[in-house]
Amino acid sequence: MKRLALAAAVLALFIAGPVFAWDGTDENGNSVTIESGNLVRVGQSITYHNDADANDHEATIDAINTSGGEVEIELTDDDTGYSHTLTMENT
């Protein structure tokens, strides 16, 4: 019975994990959120929300760099081609 409870708890963590959004800032200090359900990997397209213009944006991840308590994500906006960096909280 304990194994069943442990397996259920581990499964719940894996299912609940992708539900959370990821908060950070862009290079101008504007708040951004990578929406839940995005696979944050180099080469993947993600959706993020920028509070500066109150819009969601689609972008392709070019690089991911971890330093201390931050994760820098270099990406290119799929619509404009603009390249920029998001600095996200390392959770």
PDB file of N, CA and C in Angstrom:
ATOM      1  N   MET A   1       0.815  -1.195   0.000  1.00  0.00           N
ATOM      2  CA  MET A   1       0.000   0.000   0.000  1.00  0.00           C
ATOM      3  C   MET A   1       0.861   1.262   0.000  1.00  0.00           C
ATOM      4  N   LYS A   2       1.991   1.223   0.736  1.00  0.00           N
ATOM      5  CA  LYS A   2       2.880   2.379   0.780  1.00  0.00           C
ATOM      6  C   LYS A   2       3.468   2.669  -0.591  1.00  0.00           C
ATOM      7  N   ARG A   3       3.772   1.608  -1.341  1.00  0.00           N
ATOM      8  CA  ARG A   3       4.328   1.793  -2.688  1.00  0.00           C
ATOM      9  C   ARG A   3       3.322   2.474  -3.604  1.00  0.00           C
ATOM     10  N   LEU A   4       2.070   2.108  -3.474  1.00  0.00           N
ATOM     11  CA  LEU A   4       1.018   2.720  -4.277  1.00  0.00           C
ATOM     12  C   LEU A   4       0.884   4.206  -3.944  1.00  0.00           C
ATOM     13  N   ALA A   5       0.942   4.544  -2.667  1.00  0.00           N
ATOM     14  CA  ALA A   5       0.843   5.945  -2.248  1.00  0.00           C
ATOM     15  C   ALA A   5       2.051   6.736  -2.742  1.00  0.00           C
ATOM     16  N   LEU A   6       3.243   6.144  -2.654  1.00  0.00           N
ATOM     17  CA  LEU A   6       4.448   6.802  -3.132  1.00  0.00           C
ATOM     18  C   LEU A   6       4.390   7.017  -4.645  1.00  0.00           C
ATOM     19  N   ALA A   7       3.963   6.008  -5.372  1.00  0.00           N
ATOM     20  CA  ALA A   7       3.840   6.131  -6.825  1.00  0.00           C
ATOM     21  C   ALA A   7       2.836   7.217  -7.199  1.00  0.00           C
ATOM     22  N   ALA A   8       1.726   7.305  -6.475  1.00  0.00           N
ATOM     23  CA  ALA A   8       0.715   8.335  -6.732  1.00  0.00           C
ATOM     24  C   ALA A   8       1.282   9.723  -6.462  1.00  0.00           C
ATOM     25  N   ALA A   9       2.078   9.865  -5.404  1.00  0.00           N
ATOM     26  CA  ALA A   9       2.675  11.160  -5.069  1.00  0.00           C
ATOM     27  C   ALA A   9       3.677  11.594  -6.133  1.00  0.00           C
ATOM     28  N   VAL A  10       4.518  10.678  -6.584  1.00  0.00           N
ATOM     29  CA  VAL A  10       5.495  10.992  -7.626  1.00  0.00           C
ATOM     30  C   VAL A  10       4.783  11.363  -8.926  1.00  0.00           C
ATOM     31  N   LEU A  11       3.759  10.627  -9.292  1.00  0.00           N
ATOM     32  CA  LEU A  11       2.987  10.923 -10.492  1.00  0.00           C
ATOM     33  C   LEU A  11       2.340  12.299 -10.400  1.00  0.00           C
ATOM     34  N   ALA A  12       1.831  12.644  -9.246  1.00  0.00           N
ATOM     35  CA  ALA A  12       1.206  13.962  -9.051  1.00  0.00           C
ATOM     36  C   ALA A  12       2.219  15.081  -9.241  1.00  0.00           C
ATOM     37  N   LEU A  13       3.463  14.883  -8.788  1.00  0.00           N
ATOM     38  CA  LEU A  13       4.498  15.897  -8.979  1.00  0.00           C
ATOM     39  C   LEU A  13       4.816  16.100 -10.460  1.00  0.00           C
ATOM     40  N   PHE A  14       4.902  15.012 -11.209  1.00  0.00           N
ATOM     41  CA  PHE A  14       5.188  15.127 -12.635  1.00  0.00           C
ATOM     42  C   PHE A  14       4.051  15.798 -13.392  1.00  0.00           C
ATOM     43  N   ILE A  15       2.840  15.513 -13.003  1.00  0.00           N
ATOM     44  CA  ILE A  15       1.680  16.112 -13.672  1.00  0.00           C
ATOM     45  C   ILE A  15       1.544  17.576 -13.281  1.00  0.00           C
ATOM     46  N   ALA A  16       1.758  17.900 -12.024  1.00  0.00           N
ATOM     47  CA  ALA A  16       1.580  19.268 -11.540  1.00  0.00           C
ATOM     48  C   ALA A  16       2.721  20.177 -11.960  1.00  0.00           C
ATOM     49  N   GLY A  17       3.903  19.652 -12.205  1.00  0.00           N
ATOM     50  CA  GLY A  17       5.066  20.455 -12.542  1.00  0.00           C
ATOM     51  C   GLY A  17       4.861  21.407 -13.702  1.00  0.00           C
ATOM     52  N   PRO A  18       4.355  20.949 -14.853  1.00  0.00           N
ATOM     53  CA  PRO A  18       4.212  21.833 -15.994  1.00  0.00           C
ATOM     54  C   PRO A  18       3.094  22.859 -15.868  1.00  0.00           C
ATOM     55  N   VAL A  19       2.340  22.836 -14.784  1.00  0.00           N
ATOM     56  CA  VAL A  19       1.207  23.743 -14.628  1.00  0.00           C
ATOM     57  C   VAL A  19       1.683  25.157 -14.288  1.00  0.00           C
ATOM     58  N   PHE A  20       2.828  25.281 -13.654  1.00  0.00           N
ATOM     59  CA  PHE A  20       3.297  26.557 -13.174  1.00  0.00           C
ATOM     60  C   PHE A  20       3.925  27.400 -14.280  1.00  0.00           C
ATOM     61  N   ALA A  21       3.678  28.714 -14.206  1.00  0.00           N
ATOM     62  CA  ALA A  21       4.317  29.648 -15.116  1.00  0.00           C
ATOM     63  C   ALA A  21       5.687  30.019 -14.539  1.00  0.00           C
ATOM     64  N   TRP A  22       6.555  30.609 -15.369  1.00  0.00           N
ATOM     65  CA  TRP A  22       7.915  30.949 -14.978  1.00  0.00           C
ATOM     66  C   TRP A  22       8.081  32.446 -15.142  1.00  0.00           C
ATOM     67  N   ASP A  23       8.423  33.172 -14.065  1.00  0.00           N
ATOM     68  CA  ASP A  23       8.504  34.631 -14.081  1.00  0.00           C
ATOM     69  C   ASP A  23       9.934  35.124 -14.206  1.00  0.00           C
ATOM     70  N   GLY A  24      10.078  36.302 -14.840  1.00  0.00           N
ATOM     71  CA  GLY A  24      11.377  36.930 -14.973  1.00  0.00           C
ATOM     72  C   GLY A  24      11.242  38.315 -15.580  1.00  0.00           C
ATOM     73  N   THR A  25      12.341  38.795 -16.198  1.00  0.00           N
ATOM     74  CA  THR A  25      12.351  40.114 -16.833  1.00  0.00           C
ATOM     75  C   THR A  25      13.021  40.026 -18.197  1.00  0.00           C
ATOM     76  N   ASP A  26      12.710  41.011 -19.056  1.00  0.00           N
ATOM     77  CA  ASP A  26      13.434  41.111 -20.320  1.00  0.00           C
ATOM     78  C   ASP A  26      14.614  42.061 -20.128  1.00  0.00           C
ATOM     79  N   GLU A  27      15.366  42.325 -21.201  1.00  0.00           N
ATOM     80  CA  GLU A  27      16.565  43.154 -21.078  1.00  0.00           C
ATOM     81  C   GLU A  27      16.257  44.603 -20.707  1.00  0.00           C
ATOM     82  N   ASN A  28      14.995  45.025 -20.808  1.00  0.00           N
ATOM     83  CA  ASN A  28      14.587  46.382 -20.433  1.00  0.00           C
ATOM     84  C   ASN A  28      14.015  46.445 -19.026  1.00  0.00           C
ATOM     85  N   GLY A  29      13.992  45.315 -18.324  1.00  0.00           N
ATOM     86  CA  GLY A  29      13.477  45.277 -16.967  1.00  0.00           C
ATOM     87  C   GLY A  29      11.974  45.062 -16.873  1.00  0.00           C
ATOM     88  N   ASN A  30      11.322  44.828 -18.012  1.00  0.00           N
ATOM     89  CA  ASN A  30       9.887  44.570 -18.015  1.00  0.00           C
ATOM     90  C   ASN A  30       9.603  43.150 -17.538  1.00  0.00           C
ATOM     91  N   SER A  31       8.528  42.980 -16.787  1.00  0.00           N
ATOM     92  CA  SER A  31       8.146  41.656 -16.303  1.00  0.00           C
ATOM     93  C   SER A  31       7.665  40.783 -17.449  1.00  0.00           C
ATOM     94  N   VAL A  32       8.138  39.542 -17.469  1.00  0.00           N
ATOM     95  CA  VAL A  32       7.706  38.557 -18.464  1.00  0.00           C
ATOM     96  C   VAL A  32       7.352  37.259 -17.751  1.00  0.00           C
ATOM     97  N   THR A  33       6.481  36.501 -18.374  1.00  0.00           N
ATOM     98  CA  THR A  33       6.088  35.196 -17.851  1.00  0.00           C
ATOM     99  C   THR A  33       6.077  34.203 -18.994  1.00  0.00           C
ATOM    100  N   ILE A  34       6.796  33.108 -18.826  1.00  0.00           N
ATOM    101  CA  ILE A  34       6.710  32.018 -19.786  1.00  0.00           C
ATOM    102  C   ILE A  34       5.497  31.205 -19.369  1.00  0.00           C
ATOM    103  N   GLU A  35       4.536  31.138 -20.252  1.00  0.00           N
ATOM    104  CA  GLU A  35       3.256  30.507 -19.943  1.00  0.00           C
ATOM    105  C   GLU A  35       3.433  29.028 -19.639  1.00  0.00           C
ATOM    106  N   SER A  36       2.549  28.488 -18.828  1.00  0.00           N
ATOM    107  CA  SER A  36       2.596  27.072 -18.478  1.00  0.00           C
ATOM    108  C   SER A  36       2.397  26.213 -19.717  1.00  0.00           C
ATOM    109  N   GLY A  37       2.969  25.038 -19.691  1.00  0.00           N
ATOM    110  CA  GLY A  37       2.826  24.104 -20.803  1.00  0.00           C
ATOM    111  C   GLY A  37       3.901  24.240 -21.862  1.00  0.00           C
ATOM    112  N   ASN A  38       4.829  25.190 -21.706  1.00  0.00           N
ATOM    113  CA  ASN A  38       5.910  25.369 -22.669  1.00  0.00           C
ATOM    114  C   ASN A  38       7.097  24.487 -22.321  1.00  0.00           C
ATOM    115  N   LEU A  39       7.671  23.855 -23.315  1.00  0.00           N
ATOM    116  CA  LEU A  39       8.892  23.082 -23.147  1.00  0.00           C
ATOM    117  C   LEU A  39      10.054  24.033 -23.443  1.00  0.00           C
ATOM    118  N   VAL A  40      10.776  24.427 -22.407  1.00  0.00           N
ATOM    119  CA  VAL A  40      11.847  25.405 -22.546  1.00  0.00           C
ATOM    120  C   VAL A  40      13.142  24.667 -22.869  1.00  0.00           C
ATOM    121  N   ARG A  41      13.398  24.514 -24.157  1.00  0.00           N
ATOM    122  CA  ARG A  41      14.583  23.823 -24.666  1.00  0.00           C
ATOM    123  C   ARG A  41      15.062  24.559 -25.915  1.00  0.00           C
ATOM    124  N   VAL A  42      16.368  24.540 -26.157  1.00  0.00           N
ATOM    125  CA  VAL A  42      16.924  25.179 -27.350  1.00  0.00           C
ATOM    126  C   VAL A  42      16.261  24.594 -28.592  1.00  0.00           C
ATOM    127  N   GLY A  43      15.840  25.482 -29.487  1.00  0.00           N
ATOM    128  CA  GLY A  43      15.198  25.077 -30.729  1.00  0.00           C
ATOM    129  C   GLY A  43      13.687  24.997 -30.647  1.00  0.00           C
ATOM    130  N   GLN A  44      13.133  25.042 -29.430  1.00  0.00           N
ATOM    131  CA  GLN A  44      11.690  24.965 -29.249  1.00  0.00           C
ATOM    132  C   GLN A  44      11.061  26.355 -29.339  1.00  0.00           C
ATOM    133  N   SER A  45       9.841  26.409 -29.821  1.00  0.00           N
ATOM    134  CA  SER A  45       9.064  27.639 -29.829  1.00  0.00           C
ATOM    135  C   SER A  45       8.230  27.686 -28.558  1.00  0.00           C
ATOM    136  N   ILE A  46       8.227  28.855 -27.892  1.00  0.00           N
ATOM    137  CA  ILE A  46       7.475  29.021 -26.656  1.00  0.00           C
ATOM    138  C   ILE A  46       6.543  30.220 -26.762  1.00  0.00           C
ATOM    139  N   THR A  47       5.599  30.290 -25.841  1.00  0.00           N
ATOM    140  CA  THR A  47       4.740  31.452 -25.694  1.00  0.00           C
ATOM    141  C   THR A  47       5.103  32.126 -24.389  1.00  0.00           C
ATOM    142  N   TYR A  48       5.344  33.440 -24.445  1.00  0.00           N
ATOM    143  CA  TYR A  48       5.597  34.185 -23.209  1.00  0.00           C
ATOM    144  C   TYR A  48       4.769  35.461 -23.226  1.00  0.00           C
ATOM    145  N   HIS A  49       4.477  35.961 -22.035  1.00  0.00           N
ATOM    146  CA  HIS A  49       3.687  37.184 -21.884  1.00  0.00           C
ATOM    147  C   HIS A  49       4.610  38.297 -21.421  1.00  0.00           C
ATOM    148  N   ASN A  50       4.541  39.455 -22.103  1.00  0.00           N
ATOM    149  CA  ASN A  50       5.336  40.614 -21.728  1.00  0.00           C
ATOM    150  C   ASN A  50       4.390  41.665 -21.165  1.00  0.00           C
ATOM    151  N   ASP A  51       4.609  42.046 -19.904  1.00  0.00           N
ATOM    152  CA  ASP A  51       3.731  43.027 -19.268  1.00  0.00           C
ATOM    153  C   ASP A  51       3.855  44.413 -19.886  1.00  0.00           C
ATOM    154  N   ALA A  52       4.986  44.719 -20.549  1.00  0.00           N
ATOM    155  CA  ALA A  52       5.188  46.047 -21.128  1.00  0.00           C
ATOM    156  C   ALA A  52       4.135  46.360 -22.184  1.00  0.00           C
ATOM    157  N   ASP A  53       3.795  45.383 -23.020  1.00  0.00           N
ATOM    158  CA  ASP A  53       2.777  45.613 -24.047  1.00  0.00           C
ATOM    159  C   ASP A  53       1.508  44.799 -23.805  1.00  0.00           C
ATOM    160  N   ALA A  54       1.496  44.060 -22.713  1.00  0.00           N
ATOM    161  CA  ALA A  54       0.337  43.250 -22.309  1.00  0.00           C
ATOM    162  C   ALA A  54      -0.070  42.233 -23.371  1.00  0.00           C
ATOM    163  N   ASN A  55       0.917  41.746 -24.136  1.00  0.00           N
ATOM    164  CA  ASN A  55       0.646  40.771 -25.187  1.00  0.00           C
ATOM    165  C   ASN A  55       1.416  39.482 -24.964  1.00  0.00           C
ATOM    166  N   ASP A  56       0.885  38.408 -25.548  1.00  0.00           N
ATOM    167  CA  ASP A  56       1.608  37.142 -25.623  1.00  0.00           C
ATOM    168  C   ASP A  56       2.437  37.145 -26.892  1.00  0.00           C
ATOM    169  N   HIS A  57       3.615  36.547 -26.823  1.00  0.00           N
ATOM    170  CA  HIS A  57       4.526  36.483 -27.956  1.00  0.00           C
ATOM    171  C   HIS A  57       4.976  35.050 -28.171  1.00  0.00           C
ATOM    172  N   GLU A  58       5.220  34.689 -29.420  1.00  0.00           N
ATOM    173  CA  GLU A  58       5.801  33.399 -29.774  1.00  0.00           C
ATOM    174  C   GLU A  58       7.263  33.644 -30.107  1.00  0.00           C
ATOM    175  N   ALA A  59       8.146  32.812 -29.584  1.00  0.00           N
ATOM    176  CA  ALA A  59       9.573  32.967 -29.844  1.00  0.00           C
ATOM    177  C   ALA A  59      10.245  31.610 -29.855  1.00  0.00           C
ATOM    178  N   THR A  60      11.366  31.538 -30.569  1.00  0.00           N
ATOM    179  CA  THR A  60      12.169  30.316 -30.632  1.00  0.00           C
ATOM    180  C   THR A  60      13.408  30.506 -29.774  1.00  0.00           C
ATOM    181  N   ILE A  61      13.700  29.533 -28.932  1.00  0.00           N
ATOM    182  CA  ILE A  61      14.831  29.618 -28.019  1.00  0.00           C
ATOM    183  C   ILE A  61      16.131  29.320 -28.768  1.00  0.00           C
ATOM    184  N   ASP A  62      17.087  30.270 -28.659  1.00  0.00           N
ATOM    185  CA  ASP A  62      18.387  30.130 -29.301  1.00  0.00           C
ATOM    186  C   ASP A  62      19.450  29.574 -28.354  1.00  0.00           C
ATOM    187  N   ALA A  63      19.371  29.950 -27.069  1.00  0.00           N
ATOM    188  CA  ALA A  63      20.356  29.486 -26.088  1.00  0.00           C
ATOM    189  C   ALA A  63      19.771  29.612 -24.686  1.00  0.00           C
ATOM    190  N   ILE A  64      20.267  28.771 -23.784  1.00  0.00           N
ATOM    191  CA  ILE A  64      19.891  28.827 -22.374  1.00  0.00           C
ATOM    192  C   ILE A  64      21.183  28.808 -21.561  1.00  0.00           C
ATOM    193  N   ASN A  65      21.345  29.818 -20.693  1.00  0.00           N
ATOM    194  CA  ASN A  65      22.545  29.924 -19.864  1.00  0.00           C
ATOM    195  C   ASN A  65      22.139  30.062 -18.403  1.00  0.00           C
ATOM    196  N   THR A  66      22.738  29.230 -17.556  1.00  0.00           N
ATOM    197  CA  THR A  66      22.449  29.274 -16.123  1.00  0.00           C
ATOM    198  C   THR A  66      23.630  29.881 -15.399  1.00  0.00           C
ATOM    199  N   SER A  67      23.331  30.870 -14.537  1.00  0.00           N
ATOM    200  CA  SER A  67      24.381  31.508 -13.756  1.00  0.00           C
ATOM    201  C   SER A  67      23.827  31.870 -12.390  1.00  0.00           C
ATOM    202  N   GLY A  68      24.355  31.245 -11.350  1.00  0.00           N
ATOM    203  CA  GLY A  68      23.879  31.539 -10.001  1.00  0.00           C
ATOM    204  C   GLY A  68      22.412  31.220  -9.855  1.00  0.00           C
ATOM    205  N   GLY A  69      21.634  32.210  -9.440  1.00  0.00           N
ATOM    206  CA  GLY A  69      20.211  32.017  -9.216  1.00  0.00           C
ATOM    207  C   GLY A  69      19.347  32.438 -10.381  1.00  0.00           C
ATOM    208  N   GLU A  70      19.950  32.616 -11.561  1.00  0.00           N
ATOM    209  CA  GLU A  70      19.200  33.070 -12.725  1.00  0.00           C
ATOM    210  C   GLU A  70      19.419  32.160 -13.928  1.00  0.00           C
ATOM    211  N   VAL A  71      18.426  32.166 -14.812  1.00  0.00           N
ATOM    212  CA  VAL A  71      18.549  31.461 -16.083  1.00  0.00           C
ATOM    213  C   VAL A  71      18.304  32.491 -17.183  1.00  0.00           C
ATOM    214  N   GLU A  72      19.294  32.681 -18.055  1.00  0.00           N
ATOM    215  CA  GLU A  72      19.131  33.591 -19.184  1.00  0.00           C
ATOM    216  C   GLU A  72      18.715  32.795 -20.404  1.00  0.00           C
ATOM    217  N   ILE A  73      17.637  33.235 -21.033  1.00  0.00           N
ATOM    218  CA  ILE A  73      17.123  32.572 -22.223  1.00  0.00           C
ATOM    219  C   ILE A  73      17.230  33.543 -23.387  1.00  0.00           C
ATOM    220  N   GLU A  74      18.074  33.217 -24.348  1.00  0.00           N
ATOM    221  CA  GLU A  74      18.203  34.018 -25.562  1.00  0.00           C
ATOM    222  C   GLU A  74      17.211  33.463 -26.567  1.00  0.00           C
ATOM    223  N   LEU A  75      16.391  34.361 -27.137  1.00  0.00           N
ATOM    224  CA  LEU A  75      15.367  33.897 -28.069  1.00  0.00           C
ATOM    225  C   LEU A  75      15.131  34.894 -29.180  1.00  0.00           C
ATOM    226  N   THR A  76      14.453  34.412 -30.221  1.00  0.00           N
ATOM    227  CA  THR A  76      14.106  35.237 -31.374  1.00  0.00           C
ATOM    228  C   THR A  76      12.604  35.212 -31.545  1.00  0.00           C
ATOM    229  N   ASP A  77      11.996  36.408 -31.567  1.00  0.00           N
ATOM    230  CA  ASP A  77      10.552  36.525 -31.737  1.00  0.00           C
ATOM    231  C   ASP A  77      10.164  35.972 -33.103  1.00  0.00           C
ATOM    232  N   ASP A  78       9.199  35.059 -33.129  1.00  0.00           N
ATOM    233  CA  ASP A  78       8.800  34.407 -34.379  1.00  0.00           C
ATOM    234  C   ASP A  78       8.149  35.370 -35.365  1.00  0.00           C
ATOM    235  N   ASP A  79       7.493  36.429 -34.877  1.00  0.00           N
ATOM    236  CA  ASP A  79       6.810  37.370 -35.767  1.00  0.00           C
ATOM    237  C   ASP A  79       7.718  38.482 -36.263  1.00  0.00           C
ATOM    238  N   THR A  80       8.543  39.046 -35.371  1.00  0.00           N
ATOM    239  CA  THR A  80       9.343  40.218 -35.736  1.00  0.00           C
ATOM    240  C   THR A  80      10.792  39.887 -36.087  1.00  0.00           C
ATOM    241  N   GLY A  81      11.281  38.730 -35.647  1.00  0.00           N
ATOM    242  CA  GLY A  81      12.682  38.382 -35.868  1.00  0.00           C
ATOM    243  C   GLY A  81      13.620  39.050 -34.874  1.00  0.00           C
ATOM    244  N   TYR A  82      13.068  39.788 -33.918  1.00  0.00           N
ATOM    245  CA  TYR A  82      13.851  40.492 -32.920  1.00  0.00           C
ATOM    246  C   TYR A  82      14.452  39.501 -31.924  1.00  0.00           C
ATOM    247  N   SER A  83      15.765  39.598 -31.692  1.00  0.00           N
ATOM    248  CA  SER A  83      16.446  38.729 -30.723  1.00  0.00           C
ATOM    249  C   SER A  83      16.618  39.471 -29.412  1.00  0.00           C
ATOM    250  N   HIS A  84      16.324  38.807 -28.311  1.00  0.00           N
ATOM    251  CA  HIS A  84      16.528  39.405 -27.000  1.00  0.00           C
ATOM    252  C   HIS A  84      16.707  38.328 -25.944  1.00  0.00           C
ATOM    253  N   THR A  85      16.940  38.792 -24.711  1.00  0.00           N
ATOM    254  CA  THR A  85      17.245  37.884 -23.610  1.00  0.00           C
ATOM    255  C   THR A  85      16.245  38.059 -22.478  1.00  0.00           C
ATOM    256  N   LEU A  86      15.751  36.941 -21.983  1.00  0.00           N
ATOM    257  CA  LEU A  86      14.895  36.937 -20.800  1.00  0.00           C
ATOM    258  C   LEU A  86      15.718  36.394 -19.636  1.00  0.00           C
ATOM    259  N   THR A  87      15.639  37.046 -18.499  1.00  0.00           N
ATOM    260  CA  THR A  87      16.315  36.576 -17.290  1.00  0.00           C
ATOM    261  C   THR A  87      15.244  36.054 -16.362  1.00  0.00           C
ATOM    262  N   MET A  88      15.254  34.750 -16.140  1.00  0.00           N
ATOM    263  CA  MET A  88      14.195  34.085 -15.381  1.00  0.00           C
ATOM    264  C   MET A  88      14.707  33.668 -14.012  1.00  0.00           C
ATOM    265  N   GLU A  89      13.781  33.581 -13.057  1.00  0.00           N
ATOM    266  CA  GLU A  89      14.116  33.092 -11.724  1.00  0.00           C
ATOM    267  C   GLU A  89      14.474  31.615 -11.822  1.00  0.00           C
ATOM    268  N   ASN A  90      15.558  31.221 -11.208  1.00  0.00           N
ATOM    269  CA  ASN A  90      15.970  29.818 -11.207  1.00  0.00           C
ATOM    270  C   ASN A  90      15.242  29.113 -10.080  1.00  0.00           C
ATOM    271  N   THR A  91      14.236  28.292 -10.466  1.00  0.00           N
ATOM    272  CA  THR A  91      13.450  27.603  -9.454  1.00  0.00           C
ATOM    273  C   THR A  91      13.723  26.134  -9.452  1.00  0.00           C
TER     274      THR A  91
END
